[in-house]
């Protein structure tokens, strides 16, 4: 969990994706989104055979078509309407969307300022949405059980000045994660042995039940 006053390194949370936009649902519904229809998808987006664009699209489609992990609910969304519908289908109608304010502090040492525990710090569930590389703005959204979500001011450790406002999520149950997951390799642990916390990267989102 996050604790005020902790000094720690922040990973590179910058958004490295090219600028893209969501499509209106009315347009999105007319574009196939399936690896089985890759020929039609390639035609629409003018992707040549064996091109880098074809590879990018196939990678995204296969990840979106992958079976969910145990306890996971997932959906890839290319419109704001679809993202909101998915979040509310998992969490109910009363939701908040949160993201880290900017990328200040990225790849540097930071100090944790005031910490706010979302939903009172209770074990809850959230829907996290991470960007995928695709011709239009595409998010891989998924819900996993047993998480805690925090907001925190991020400070310059020398001056104490606020440089960012971050959102972090802690996964309490990692028993179904792969033993080769980057978090375990970095921390020298394994599935189910530790909880794993991470920042929500720039322009990614996490949805939670709104605090009353």
N, C-alpha and C. Protein backbone atom coordinates (compact mmCIF):
# COMPACT_ATOMS: atom_id res chain seq x y z
N UNK A 1 0.83 -1.19 0.00
CA UNK A 1 0.00 0.00 0.00
C UNK A 1 0.87 1.25 0.00
N UNK A 2 0.30 2.37 -0.40
CA UNK A 2 1.02 3.64 -0.42
C UNK A 2 1.01 4.26 0.97
N UNK A 3 2.15 4.80 1.38
CA UNK A 3 2.24 5.48 2.67
C UNK A 3 2.85 6.85 2.47
N UNK A 4 2.22 7.85 3.07
CA UNK A 4 2.72 9.22 2.97
C UNK A 4 4.14 9.29 3.52
N UNK A 5 5.01 10.00 2.80
CA UNK A 5 6.39 10.18 3.23
C UNK A 5 7.36 9.18 2.63
N UNK A 6 6.85 8.13 1.99
CA UNK A 6 7.73 7.13 1.38
C UNK A 6 8.46 7.74 0.18
N UNK A 7 9.76 7.50 0.12
CA UNK A 7 10.57 7.92 -1.03
C UNK A 7 10.86 6.67 -1.86
N UNK A 8 10.59 6.75 -3.15
CA UNK A 8 10.65 5.55 -3.99
C UNK A 8 10.91 5.92 -5.44
N UNK A 9 11.43 4.99 -6.24
CA UNK A 9 11.56 5.25 -7.67
C UNK A 9 10.21 5.08 -8.36
N UNK A 10 9.96 5.92 -9.35
CA UNK A 10 8.75 5.76 -10.17
C UNK A 10 9.16 5.20 -11.52
N UNK A 11 8.46 4.20 -12.02
CA UNK A 11 8.79 3.66 -13.35
C UNK A 11 8.43 4.66 -14.44
N UNK A 12 8.74 4.30 -15.65
CA UNK A 12 8.39 5.14 -16.80
C UNK A 12 6.90 4.97 -17.08
N UNK A 13 6.11 5.97 -16.73
CA UNK A 13 4.66 5.87 -16.90
C UNK A 13 4.17 6.68 -18.11
N UNK A 14 5.10 7.18 -18.91
CA UNK A 14 4.70 8.02 -20.06
C UNK A 14 3.91 7.22 -21.09
N UNK A 15 2.96 7.89 -21.69
CA UNK A 15 2.18 7.31 -22.78
C UNK A 15 3.03 7.35 -24.05
N UNK A 16 3.43 6.19 -24.55
CA UNK A 16 4.28 6.12 -25.73
C UNK A 16 3.49 5.79 -27.00
N UNK A 17 2.18 5.73 -26.88
CA UNK A 17 1.35 5.42 -28.04
C UNK A 17 1.18 6.66 -28.92
N UNK A 18 1.02 6.46 -30.23
CA UNK A 18 0.72 7.61 -31.10
C UNK A 18 -0.66 8.17 -30.78
N UNK A 19 -0.83 9.46 -31.04
CA UNK A 19 -2.13 10.10 -30.78
C UNK A 19 -3.19 9.52 -31.71
N UNK A 20 -4.28 9.06 -31.13
CA UNK A 20 -5.40 8.52 -31.90
C UNK A 20 -6.69 8.94 -31.21
N UNK A 21 -7.81 8.65 -31.83
CA UNK A 21 -9.11 9.01 -31.27
C UNK A 21 -10.02 7.80 -31.23
N UNK A 22 -10.96 7.82 -30.27
CA UNK A 22 -12.05 6.85 -30.30
C UNK A 22 -12.87 7.06 -31.56
N UNK A 23 -13.57 6.02 -31.98
CA UNK A 23 -14.54 6.15 -33.06
C UNK A 23 -15.94 6.17 -32.46
N UNK A 24 -16.87 6.88 -33.09
CA UNK A 24 -18.26 6.80 -32.63
C UNK A 24 -18.75 5.36 -32.74
N UNK A 25 -19.59 4.97 -31.82
CA UNK A 25 -20.09 3.59 -31.82
C UNK A 25 -20.79 3.24 -33.14
N UNK A 26 -21.46 4.21 -33.74
CA UNK A 26 -22.18 3.95 -34.99
C UNK A 26 -21.23 3.56 -36.11
N UNK A 27 -20.04 4.14 -36.13
CA UNK A 27 -19.03 3.78 -37.14
C UNK A 27 -18.33 2.48 -36.74
N UNK A 28 -17.99 2.37 -35.46
CA UNK A 28 -17.27 1.20 -34.97
C UNK A 28 -18.03 -0.10 -35.24
N UNK A 29 -19.34 -0.03 -35.14
CA UNK A 29 -20.17 -1.23 -35.32
C UNK A 29 -20.11 -1.76 -36.75
N UNK A 30 -19.64 -0.94 -37.68
CA UNK A 30 -19.57 -1.35 -39.09
C UNK A 30 -18.19 -1.89 -39.47
N UNK A 31 -17.23 -1.82 -38.54
CA UNK A 31 -15.86 -2.28 -38.82
C UNK A 31 -15.63 -3.62 -38.14
N UNK A 32 -15.25 -4.66 -38.88
CA UNK A 32 -15.01 -5.96 -38.24
C UNK A 32 -13.86 -5.87 -37.24
N UNK A 33 -13.99 -6.65 -36.16
CA UNK A 33 -12.94 -6.67 -35.13
C UNK A 33 -12.72 -8.13 -34.74
N UNK A 34 -12.00 -8.84 -35.61
CA UNK A 34 -11.77 -10.27 -35.40
C UNK A 34 -10.58 -10.70 -36.23
N UNK A 35 -9.74 -11.54 -35.64
CA UNK A 35 -8.58 -12.05 -36.39
C UNK A 35 -9.03 -12.93 -37.55
N UNK A 36 -10.24 -13.49 -37.45
CA UNK A 36 -10.75 -14.32 -38.54
C UNK A 36 -11.15 -13.49 -39.75
N UNK A 37 -11.27 -12.17 -39.55
CA UNK A 37 -11.64 -11.27 -40.65
C UNK A 37 -10.51 -10.29 -40.95
N UNK A 38 -9.27 -10.74 -40.74
CA UNK A 38 -8.13 -9.85 -40.88
C UNK A 38 -8.00 -9.31 -42.31
N UNK A 39 -8.42 -10.08 -43.30
CA UNK A 39 -8.32 -9.60 -44.68
C UNK A 39 -9.17 -8.35 -44.89
N UNK A 40 -10.37 -8.37 -44.32
CA UNK A 40 -11.25 -7.20 -44.45
C UNK A 40 -10.72 -6.03 -43.63
N UNK A 41 -10.20 -6.33 -42.44
CA UNK A 41 -9.62 -5.27 -41.59
C UNK A 41 -8.44 -4.62 -42.31
N UNK A 42 -7.59 -5.43 -42.94
CA UNK A 42 -6.44 -4.90 -43.68
C UNK A 42 -6.89 -4.00 -44.82
N UNK A 43 -7.94 -4.40 -45.49
CA UNK A 43 -8.44 -3.58 -46.61
C UNK A 43 -8.92 -2.22 -46.12
N UNK A 44 -9.64 -2.21 -45.00
CA UNK A 44 -10.19 -0.96 -44.47
C UNK A 44 -9.07 0.01 -44.07
N UNK A 45 -8.01 -0.54 -43.47
CA UNK A 45 -6.93 0.32 -42.96
C UNK A 45 -5.70 0.33 -43.87
N UNK A 46 -5.86 -0.19 -45.08
CA UNK A 46 -4.80 -0.13 -46.11
C UNK A 46 -3.49 -0.74 -45.60
N UNK A 47 -3.60 -1.90 -44.99
CA UNK A 47 -2.43 -2.61 -44.48
C UNK A 47 -1.97 -3.65 -45.50
N UNK A 48 -0.72 -3.59 -45.90
CA UNK A 48 -0.19 -4.54 -46.86
C UNK A 48 0.07 -5.90 -46.24
N UNK A 49 0.19 -6.91 -47.09
CA UNK A 49 0.52 -8.25 -46.61
C UNK A 49 1.87 -8.25 -45.91
N UNK A 50 1.92 -8.89 -44.75
CA UNK A 50 3.16 -9.02 -43.96
C UNK A 50 3.74 -7.67 -43.55
N UNK A 51 2.90 -6.65 -43.51
CA UNK A 51 3.36 -5.31 -43.11
C UNK A 51 3.39 -5.19 -41.59
N UNK A 52 4.08 -4.16 -41.11
CA UNK A 52 4.12 -3.93 -39.66
C UNK A 52 2.72 -3.61 -39.14
N UNK A 53 1.90 -2.92 -39.94
CA UNK A 53 0.54 -2.61 -39.51
C UNK A 53 -0.30 -3.88 -39.36
N UNK A 54 -0.12 -4.82 -40.28
CA UNK A 54 -0.83 -6.09 -40.15
C UNK A 54 -0.43 -6.80 -38.85
N UNK A 55 0.86 -6.81 -38.55
CA UNK A 55 1.34 -7.46 -37.32
C UNK A 55 0.76 -6.78 -36.09
N UNK A 56 0.76 -5.44 -36.08
CA UNK A 56 0.22 -4.68 -34.95
C UNK A 56 -1.26 -5.02 -34.73
N UNK A 57 -2.02 -5.05 -35.81
CA UNK A 57 -3.45 -5.32 -35.68
C UNK A 57 -3.70 -6.75 -35.22
N UNK A 58 -2.96 -7.71 -35.76
CA UNK A 58 -3.14 -9.10 -35.35
C UNK A 58 -2.78 -9.30 -33.88
N UNK A 59 -1.70 -8.66 -33.43
CA UNK A 59 -1.31 -8.77 -32.02
C UNK A 59 -2.42 -8.27 -31.11
N UNK A 60 -3.00 -7.12 -31.47
CA UNK A 60 -4.08 -6.55 -30.65
C UNK A 60 -5.31 -7.44 -30.67
N UNK A 61 -5.67 -7.92 -31.84
CA UNK A 61 -6.86 -8.76 -31.96
C UNK A 61 -6.71 -10.06 -31.17
N UNK A 62 -5.54 -10.67 -31.24
CA UNK A 62 -5.33 -11.93 -30.52
C UNK A 62 -5.36 -11.72 -29.01
N UNK A 63 -4.80 -10.60 -28.54
CA UNK A 63 -4.85 -10.30 -27.11
C UNK A 63 -6.30 -10.06 -26.67
N UNK A 64 -7.06 -9.39 -27.51
CA UNK A 64 -8.46 -9.13 -27.17
C UNK A 64 -9.29 -10.42 -27.20
N UNK A 65 -8.89 -11.37 -28.04
CA UNK A 65 -9.63 -12.63 -28.16
C UNK A 65 -9.16 -13.69 -27.17
N UNK A 66 -8.06 -13.43 -26.48
CA UNK A 66 -7.53 -14.39 -25.50
C UNK A 66 -8.57 -14.65 -24.40
N UNK A 67 -8.66 -15.90 -23.97
CA UNK A 67 -9.59 -16.24 -22.90
C UNK A 67 -9.19 -15.50 -21.62
N UNK A 68 -10.16 -15.02 -20.85
CA UNK A 68 -9.82 -14.30 -19.62
C UNK A 68 -9.15 -15.21 -18.60
N UNK A 69 -8.33 -14.60 -17.76
CA UNK A 69 -7.72 -15.33 -16.65
C UNK A 69 -8.79 -15.65 -15.61
N UNK A 70 -8.53 -16.60 -14.70
CA UNK A 70 -9.51 -16.92 -13.66
C UNK A 70 -9.91 -15.67 -12.88
N UNK A 71 -11.21 -15.42 -12.79
CA UNK A 71 -11.71 -14.27 -12.05
C UNK A 71 -11.71 -12.97 -12.82
N UNK A 72 -11.18 -12.99 -14.05
CA UNK A 72 -11.08 -11.77 -14.84
C UNK A 72 -12.28 -11.64 -15.78
N UNK A 73 -12.75 -10.41 -15.94
CA UNK A 73 -13.74 -10.07 -16.96
C UNK A 73 -13.07 -9.06 -17.88
N UNK A 74 -13.12 -9.26 -19.19
CA UNK A 74 -12.35 -8.40 -20.08
C UNK A 74 -13.12 -8.05 -21.34
N UNK A 75 -12.77 -6.90 -21.91
CA UNK A 75 -13.36 -6.47 -23.17
C UNK A 75 -12.47 -5.40 -23.77
N UNK A 76 -12.25 -5.45 -25.08
CA UNK A 76 -11.55 -4.38 -25.78
C UNK A 76 -12.58 -3.41 -26.34
N UNK A 77 -12.34 -2.12 -26.12
CA UNK A 77 -13.32 -1.11 -26.51
C UNK A 77 -12.66 -0.05 -27.37
N UNK A 78 -13.40 0.40 -28.38
CA UNK A 78 -12.89 1.42 -29.29
C UNK A 78 -13.76 2.67 -29.31
N UNK A 79 -14.69 2.76 -28.36
CA UNK A 79 -15.53 3.95 -28.25
C UNK A 79 -15.73 4.29 -26.78
N UNK A 80 -15.98 5.56 -26.51
CA UNK A 80 -16.23 5.98 -25.13
C UNK A 80 -17.49 5.33 -24.58
N UNK A 81 -18.50 5.16 -25.46
CA UNK A 81 -19.75 4.55 -25.02
C UNK A 81 -19.52 3.10 -24.57
N UNK A 82 -18.70 2.37 -25.34
CA UNK A 82 -18.45 0.97 -25.00
C UNK A 82 -17.67 0.85 -23.69
N UNK A 83 -16.73 1.78 -23.46
CA UNK A 83 -15.97 1.73 -22.22
C UNK A 83 -16.88 1.97 -21.02
N UNK A 84 -17.72 2.99 -21.12
CA UNK A 84 -18.64 3.29 -20.02
C UNK A 84 -19.60 2.14 -19.78
N UNK A 85 -20.13 1.56 -20.85
CA UNK A 85 -21.06 0.44 -20.70
C UNK A 85 -20.39 -0.75 -20.02
N UNK A 86 -19.14 -1.03 -20.38
CA UNK A 86 -18.45 -2.16 -19.77
C UNK A 86 -18.19 -1.89 -18.29
N UNK A 87 -17.72 -0.69 -17.97
CA UNK A 87 -17.43 -0.35 -16.57
C UNK A 87 -18.69 -0.47 -15.71
N UNK A 88 -19.81 0.05 -16.21
CA UNK A 88 -21.03 0.00 -15.41
C UNK A 88 -21.63 -1.40 -15.36
N UNK A 89 -21.37 -2.22 -16.36
CA UNK A 89 -21.87 -3.61 -16.32
C UNK A 89 -21.17 -4.40 -15.22
N UNK A 90 -19.94 -4.02 -14.90
CA UNK A 90 -19.17 -4.72 -13.86
C UNK A 90 -19.41 -4.09 -12.48
N UNK A 91 -19.46 -2.75 -12.44
CA UNK A 91 -19.44 -2.04 -11.15
C UNK A 91 -20.78 -1.45 -10.74
N UNK A 92 -21.74 -1.39 -11.66
CA UNK A 92 -22.99 -0.70 -11.37
C UNK A 92 -22.96 0.71 -11.95
N UNK A 93 -24.07 1.41 -11.82
CA UNK A 93 -24.21 2.70 -12.50
C UNK A 93 -23.43 3.83 -11.84
N UNK A 94 -23.10 3.71 -10.56
CA UNK A 94 -22.47 4.81 -9.82
C UNK A 94 -20.95 4.62 -9.82
N UNK A 95 -20.28 5.18 -10.83
CA UNK A 95 -18.85 4.93 -11.00
C UNK A 95 -18.07 6.24 -11.15
N UNK A 96 -16.77 6.15 -10.88
CA UNK A 96 -15.83 7.23 -11.14
C UNK A 96 -14.69 6.69 -11.99
N UNK A 97 -14.18 7.52 -12.90
CA UNK A 97 -13.00 7.17 -13.69
C UNK A 97 -11.82 7.98 -13.17
N UNK A 98 -10.67 7.32 -12.99
CA UNK A 98 -9.49 7.99 -12.46
C UNK A 98 -8.28 7.68 -13.33
N UNK A 99 -7.39 8.66 -13.41
CA UNK A 99 -6.13 8.45 -14.13
C UNK A 99 -5.05 9.30 -13.48
N UNK A 100 -3.80 8.92 -13.70
CA UNK A 100 -2.68 9.73 -13.22
C UNK A 100 -2.62 11.02 -14.03
N UNK A 101 -2.39 12.13 -13.34
CA UNK A 101 -2.56 13.46 -13.93
C UNK A 101 -1.62 13.74 -15.10
N UNK A 102 -0.36 13.33 -14.97
CA UNK A 102 0.63 13.57 -16.03
C UNK A 102 1.77 12.56 -15.84
N UNK A 103 2.91 12.78 -16.47
CA UNK A 103 4.01 11.82 -16.31
C UNK A 103 5.17 12.40 -15.51
N UNK A 104 4.97 13.52 -14.84
CA UNK A 104 6.04 14.10 -14.03
C UNK A 104 6.45 13.13 -12.92
N UNK A 105 7.75 12.98 -12.74
CA UNK A 105 8.29 12.02 -11.78
C UNK A 105 8.68 10.71 -12.42
N UNK A 106 8.25 10.53 -13.66
CA UNK A 106 8.54 9.29 -14.38
C UNK A 106 10.05 9.04 -14.47
N UNK A 107 10.47 7.83 -14.13
CA UNK A 107 11.88 7.39 -14.17
C UNK A 107 12.76 8.18 -13.20
N UNK A 108 12.15 8.75 -12.16
CA UNK A 108 12.90 9.50 -11.16
C UNK A 108 12.51 9.04 -9.75
N UNK A 109 13.24 9.54 -8.77
CA UNK A 109 12.89 9.30 -7.38
C UNK A 109 11.81 10.29 -6.98
N UNK A 110 10.76 9.80 -6.35
CA UNK A 110 9.64 10.65 -5.93
C UNK A 110 9.36 10.44 -4.45
N UNK A 111 8.56 11.33 -3.91
CA UNK A 111 8.10 11.19 -2.53
C UNK A 111 6.58 11.18 -2.53
N UNK A 112 6.01 10.27 -1.76
CA UNK A 112 4.55 10.16 -1.68
C UNK A 112 4.00 11.23 -0.74
N UNK A 113 3.05 12.01 -1.24
CA UNK A 113 2.40 13.03 -0.43
C UNK A 113 1.13 12.49 0.20
N UNK A 114 0.11 13.32 0.26
CA UNK A 114 -1.16 12.92 0.85
C UNK A 114 -1.76 11.75 0.08
N UNK A 115 -2.19 10.72 0.80
CA UNK A 115 -2.76 9.52 0.20
C UNK A 115 -4.25 9.46 0.52
N UNK A 116 -5.04 9.16 -0.50
CA UNK A 116 -6.48 8.96 -0.31
C UNK A 116 -6.82 7.53 -0.67
N UNK A 117 -7.47 6.84 0.24
CA UNK A 117 -7.89 5.46 0.00
C UNK A 117 -9.27 5.46 -0.65
N UNK A 118 -9.34 4.95 -1.88
CA UNK A 118 -10.62 4.90 -2.59
C UNK A 118 -11.49 3.81 -1.98
N UNK A 119 -12.79 4.11 -1.85
CA UNK A 119 -13.73 3.20 -1.19
C UNK A 119 -13.29 2.89 0.23
N UNK A 120 -12.65 3.89 0.87
CA UNK A 120 -12.23 3.74 2.25
C UNK A 120 -11.09 2.77 2.46
N UNK A 121 -10.41 2.39 1.38
CA UNK A 121 -9.31 1.44 1.50
C UNK A 121 -9.78 -0.01 1.59
N UNK A 122 -11.08 -0.22 1.41
CA UNK A 122 -11.61 -1.59 1.49
C UNK A 122 -11.18 -2.40 0.27
N UNK A 123 -11.13 -3.71 0.45
CA UNK A 123 -10.91 -4.59 -0.70
C UNK A 123 -12.13 -4.47 -1.61
N UNK A 124 -11.88 -4.14 -2.86
CA UNK A 124 -12.98 -3.87 -3.78
C UNK A 124 -12.62 -4.44 -5.14
N UNK A 125 -13.35 -4.04 -6.15
CA UNK A 125 -12.99 -4.41 -7.52
C UNK A 125 -13.00 -3.14 -8.36
N UNK A 126 -12.25 -3.17 -9.42
CA UNK A 126 -12.19 -2.02 -10.31
C UNK A 126 -12.11 -2.52 -11.74
N UNK A 127 -12.30 -1.60 -12.66
CA UNK A 127 -12.09 -1.89 -14.08
C UNK A 127 -10.93 -1.02 -14.54
N UNK A 128 -9.84 -1.65 -14.94
CA UNK A 128 -8.69 -0.92 -15.46
C UNK A 128 -8.67 -1.02 -16.98
N UNK A 129 -8.35 0.09 -17.63
CA UNK A 129 -8.33 0.15 -19.09
C UNK A 129 -6.96 0.63 -19.55
N UNK A 130 -6.29 -0.22 -20.34
CA UNK A 130 -4.94 0.06 -20.82
C UNK A 130 -4.97 0.19 -22.34
N UNK A 131 -4.25 1.16 -22.86
CA UNK A 131 -4.22 1.36 -24.30
C UNK A 131 -3.57 0.17 -25.02
N UNK A 132 -4.12 -0.14 -26.18
CA UNK A 132 -3.52 -1.11 -27.09
C UNK A 132 -3.19 -0.40 -28.40
N UNK A 133 -2.12 -0.84 -29.04
CA UNK A 133 -1.73 -0.23 -30.31
C UNK A 133 -2.64 -0.75 -31.42
N UNK A 134 -3.33 0.18 -32.09
CA UNK A 134 -4.30 -0.16 -33.13
C UNK A 134 -4.52 1.11 -33.96
N UNK A 135 -5.10 1.00 -35.16
CA UNK A 135 -5.26 2.22 -35.98
C UNK A 135 -6.12 3.30 -35.33
N UNK A 136 -7.11 2.92 -34.53
CA UNK A 136 -7.88 3.90 -33.77
C UNK A 136 -7.64 3.66 -32.28
N UNK A 137 -8.11 4.57 -31.44
CA UNK A 137 -7.88 4.44 -30.00
C UNK A 137 -8.60 3.21 -29.47
N UNK A 138 -7.84 2.29 -28.92
CA UNK A 138 -8.37 1.02 -28.44
C UNK A 138 -7.86 0.78 -27.03
N UNK A 139 -8.78 0.42 -26.15
CA UNK A 139 -8.41 0.10 -24.77
C UNK A 139 -8.75 -1.35 -24.46
N UNK A 140 -7.82 -2.01 -23.78
CA UNK A 140 -8.06 -3.34 -23.20
C UNK A 140 -8.54 -3.10 -21.78
N UNK A 141 -9.81 -3.34 -21.53
CA UNK A 141 -10.40 -3.11 -20.21
C UNK A 141 -10.64 -4.45 -19.52
N UNK A 142 -10.31 -4.51 -18.25
CA UNK A 142 -10.54 -5.76 -17.52
C UNK A 142 -10.79 -5.47 -16.05
N UNK A 143 -11.56 -6.35 -15.47
CA UNK A 143 -11.84 -6.27 -14.04
C UNK A 143 -11.26 -7.50 -13.37
N UNK A 144 -10.59 -7.27 -12.27
CA UNK A 144 -10.09 -8.38 -11.46
C UNK A 144 -10.55 -8.17 -10.03
N UNK A 145 -10.85 -9.26 -9.32
CA UNK A 145 -11.33 -9.12 -7.95
C UNK A 145 -10.20 -8.82 -6.98
N UNK A 146 -10.57 -8.39 -5.80
CA UNK A 146 -9.65 -8.23 -4.67
C UNK A 146 -8.52 -7.24 -4.97
N UNK A 147 -8.90 -5.98 -5.08
CA UNK A 147 -7.91 -4.92 -5.25
C UNK A 147 -8.18 -3.81 -4.23
N UNK A 148 -7.16 -3.00 -4.01
CA UNK A 148 -7.33 -1.72 -3.32
C UNK A 148 -6.83 -0.63 -4.26
N UNK A 149 -7.50 0.52 -4.24
CA UNK A 149 -7.15 1.62 -5.13
C UNK A 149 -6.83 2.85 -4.30
N UNK A 150 -5.79 3.57 -4.71
CA UNK A 150 -5.33 4.75 -3.99
C UNK A 150 -5.12 5.92 -4.95
N UNK A 151 -5.31 7.13 -4.43
CA UNK A 151 -4.84 8.34 -5.09
C UNK A 151 -3.78 8.97 -4.20
N UNK A 152 -2.79 9.59 -4.81
CA UNK A 152 -1.72 10.18 -4.01
C UNK A 152 -1.12 11.39 -4.72
N UNK A 153 -0.83 12.42 -3.93
CA UNK A 153 0.02 13.49 -4.46
C UNK A 153 1.44 12.93 -4.60
N UNK A 154 2.10 13.32 -5.66
CA UNK A 154 3.48 12.91 -5.92
C UNK A 154 4.35 14.15 -5.82
N UNK A 155 5.37 14.07 -4.96
CA UNK A 155 6.18 15.24 -4.64
C UNK A 155 7.61 15.09 -5.13
N UNK A 156 8.23 16.23 -5.40
CA UNK A 156 9.67 16.26 -5.61
C UNK A 156 10.32 16.01 -4.25
N UNK A 157 11.18 14.98 -4.12
CA UNK A 157 11.71 14.64 -2.80
C UNK A 157 12.63 15.71 -2.20
N UNK A 158 13.19 16.56 -3.05
CA UNK A 158 14.10 17.60 -2.54
C UNK A 158 13.34 18.85 -2.11
N UNK A 159 12.44 19.32 -2.96
CA UNK A 159 11.73 20.57 -2.66
C UNK A 159 10.42 20.34 -1.91
N UNK A 160 9.88 19.12 -2.00
CA UNK A 160 8.58 18.85 -1.40
C UNK A 160 7.42 19.38 -2.21
N UNK A 161 7.71 19.93 -3.40
CA UNK A 161 6.67 20.50 -4.25
C UNK A 161 5.88 19.40 -4.95
N UNK A 162 4.57 19.60 -5.04
CA UNK A 162 3.72 18.64 -5.76
C UNK A 162 4.01 18.73 -7.25
N UNK A 163 4.29 17.58 -7.88
CA UNK A 163 4.58 17.55 -9.31
C UNK A 163 3.58 16.70 -10.09
N UNK A 164 2.77 15.92 -9.38
CA UNK A 164 1.84 15.03 -10.06
C UNK A 164 0.78 14.57 -9.06
N UNK A 165 -0.27 13.98 -9.57
CA UNK A 165 -1.29 13.33 -8.73
C UNK A 165 -1.54 11.97 -9.35
N UNK A 166 -1.16 10.93 -8.63
CA UNK A 166 -1.16 9.59 -9.21
C UNK A 166 -2.28 8.71 -8.69
N UNK A 167 -2.61 7.71 -9.49
CA UNK A 167 -3.56 6.67 -9.11
C UNK A 167 -2.81 5.35 -9.12
N UNK A 168 -2.96 4.59 -8.05
CA UNK A 168 -2.28 3.30 -7.93
C UNK A 168 -3.29 2.22 -7.57
N UNK A 169 -3.02 1.01 -8.02
CA UNK A 169 -3.90 -0.13 -7.73
C UNK A 169 -3.05 -1.26 -7.19
N UNK A 170 -3.54 -1.92 -6.15
CA UNK A 170 -2.85 -3.05 -5.54
C UNK A 170 -3.68 -4.31 -5.74
N UNK A 171 -3.07 -5.31 -6.37
CA UNK A 171 -3.71 -6.60 -6.60
C UNK A 171 -3.38 -7.51 -5.41
N UNK A 172 -4.40 -7.90 -4.65
CA UNK A 172 -4.16 -8.67 -3.44
C UNK A 172 -4.04 -10.16 -3.71
N UNK A 173 -4.67 -10.64 -4.78
CA UNK A 173 -4.64 -12.07 -5.11
C UNK A 173 -3.90 -12.26 -6.43
N UNK A 174 -2.67 -12.73 -6.35
CA UNK A 174 -1.86 -12.95 -7.55
C UNK A 174 -1.67 -14.44 -7.82
N UNK A 175 -2.50 -15.28 -7.22
CA UNK A 175 -2.30 -16.73 -7.30
C UNK A 175 -2.46 -17.27 -8.72
N UNK A 176 -3.25 -16.57 -9.56
CA UNK A 176 -3.47 -17.07 -10.93
C UNK A 176 -2.51 -16.46 -11.94
N UNK A 177 -1.60 -15.58 -11.48
CA UNK A 177 -0.67 -14.93 -12.40
C UNK A 177 0.44 -15.90 -12.81
N UNK A 178 1.00 -15.66 -13.98
CA UNK A 178 2.11 -16.47 -14.46
C UNK A 178 3.34 -16.25 -13.59
N UNK A 179 4.09 -17.33 -13.36
CA UNK A 179 5.32 -17.20 -12.56
C UNK A 179 6.36 -16.34 -13.27
N UNK A 180 6.18 -16.15 -14.59
CA UNK A 180 7.10 -15.31 -15.35
C UNK A 180 6.68 -13.86 -15.42
N UNK A 181 5.64 -13.48 -14.67
CA UNK A 181 5.18 -12.09 -14.68
C UNK A 181 6.31 -11.16 -14.25
N UNK A 182 6.39 -10.01 -14.90
CA UNK A 182 7.48 -9.07 -14.63
C UNK A 182 7.57 -8.64 -13.17
N UNK A 183 6.42 -8.55 -12.49
CA UNK A 183 6.44 -8.14 -11.09
C UNK A 183 7.16 -9.16 -10.22
N UNK A 184 6.94 -10.45 -10.49
CA UNK A 184 7.60 -11.49 -9.70
C UNK A 184 9.09 -11.54 -10.01
N UNK A 185 9.44 -11.34 -11.27
CA UNK A 185 10.86 -11.35 -11.64
C UNK A 185 11.59 -10.19 -10.97
N UNK A 186 10.91 -9.03 -10.91
CA UNK A 186 11.55 -7.85 -10.31
C UNK A 186 11.65 -7.97 -8.79
N UNK A 187 10.66 -8.62 -8.17
CA UNK A 187 10.59 -8.66 -6.72
C UNK A 187 11.09 -9.97 -6.13
N UNK A 188 11.43 -10.93 -6.99
CA UNK A 188 11.94 -12.20 -6.51
C UNK A 188 10.91 -13.02 -5.77
N UNK A 189 9.68 -13.00 -6.26
CA UNK A 189 8.61 -13.74 -5.60
C UNK A 189 7.85 -14.58 -6.62
N UNK A 190 6.66 -15.04 -6.25
CA UNK A 190 5.90 -15.89 -7.14
C UNK A 190 4.41 -15.74 -6.93
N UNK A 191 3.61 -16.43 -7.73
CA UNK A 191 2.15 -16.31 -7.67
C UNK A 191 1.60 -16.60 -6.27
N UNK A 192 0.72 -15.71 -5.81
CA UNK A 192 0.05 -15.90 -4.53
C UNK A 192 0.87 -15.58 -3.31
N UNK A 193 2.15 -15.23 -3.49
CA UNK A 193 3.02 -14.99 -2.34
C UNK A 193 3.01 -13.53 -1.88
N UNK A 194 2.73 -12.61 -2.80
CA UNK A 194 2.75 -11.19 -2.47
C UNK A 194 1.60 -10.48 -3.16
N UNK A 195 1.26 -9.29 -2.67
CA UNK A 195 0.38 -8.42 -3.43
C UNK A 195 1.24 -7.54 -4.33
N UNK A 196 0.70 -7.13 -5.45
CA UNK A 196 1.45 -6.35 -6.43
C UNK A 196 0.72 -5.03 -6.66
N UNK A 197 1.45 -3.93 -6.47
CA UNK A 197 0.88 -2.59 -6.66
C UNK A 197 1.57 -1.91 -7.83
N UNK A 198 0.82 -1.13 -8.58
CA UNK A 198 1.43 -0.39 -9.69
C UNK A 198 0.65 0.89 -9.95
N UNK A 199 1.33 1.85 -10.56
CA UNK A 199 0.70 3.10 -10.95
C UNK A 199 -0.16 2.87 -12.19
N UNK A 200 -1.22 3.65 -12.31
CA UNK A 200 -1.96 3.73 -13.56
C UNK A 200 -1.19 4.69 -14.46
N UNK A 201 -0.76 4.20 -15.61
CA UNK A 201 0.11 4.98 -16.49
C UNK A 201 -0.66 6.14 -17.15
N UNK A 202 0.10 7.08 -17.66
CA UNK A 202 -0.48 8.24 -18.34
C UNK A 202 -1.47 7.79 -19.42
N UNK A 203 -2.67 8.35 -19.37
CA UNK A 203 -3.76 8.10 -20.33
C UNK A 203 -4.38 6.72 -20.23
N UNK A 204 -3.95 5.89 -19.27
CA UNK A 204 -4.72 4.71 -18.92
C UNK A 204 -5.72 5.12 -17.84
N UNK A 205 -6.69 4.25 -17.56
CA UNK A 205 -7.77 4.61 -16.64
C UNK A 205 -8.07 3.46 -15.70
N UNK A 206 -8.58 3.80 -14.52
CA UNK A 206 -9.20 2.79 -13.68
C UNK A 206 -10.54 3.33 -13.21
N UNK A 207 -11.56 2.49 -13.33
CA UNK A 207 -12.91 2.82 -12.91
C UNK A 207 -13.19 2.14 -11.57
N UNK A 208 -13.83 2.87 -10.67
CA UNK A 208 -14.19 2.31 -9.37
C UNK A 208 -15.62 2.70 -9.04
N UNK A 209 -16.19 1.99 -8.08
CA UNK A 209 -17.47 2.41 -7.53
C UNK A 209 -17.27 3.77 -6.88
N UNK A 210 -18.15 4.71 -7.17
CA UNK A 210 -17.99 6.07 -6.66
C UNK A 210 -18.09 6.08 -5.14
N UNK A 211 -17.20 6.87 -4.51
CA UNK A 211 -17.30 7.06 -3.06
C UNK A 211 -18.55 7.87 -2.75
N UNK A 212 -19.27 7.45 -1.73
CA UNK A 212 -20.50 8.16 -1.38
C UNK A 212 -20.17 9.44 -0.62
